[in-house]
Amino acid sequence: MKRIRKLWFLAVATCLWMLPALAASAAGGGGAPIVIVSDTRKLDGIMRWWGSLYNESHLQFTLLTVVLIPVTGCIFGFIADIVMGWIGIDLTKRKVHEH
């Protein structure tokens, strides 16, 4: 079993080691640089601001996204708790009534 595990680890390590070379060879030598931008011509308001932020600074866009996703999840969870309380679902007690 140890030998199989060692061989499996070696195979995975070899694949990971060869992955950059495989990705570089896919461009066929010297690939042209790719520019990724957000098209903000038909956007307005917060969507235009979000697209412009993406175009101007990928770091700021990433940091803001990483912060906003958990905050939005907490807000939605809090709202869901309130709504479930209104309709009579009590999640504070862990007593199972089905059995």
Foldseek 3Di string as FASTA:
>chain_A
DVVVVVVVVVVVVVCVVCVVVVVCCVCVHDHDDDDDADDLPPPDDPVSVLRVCVNPDVVVNVVVVVVVVVVVVVVVVVVVQVVCVVVPDDPVDPDDPPD
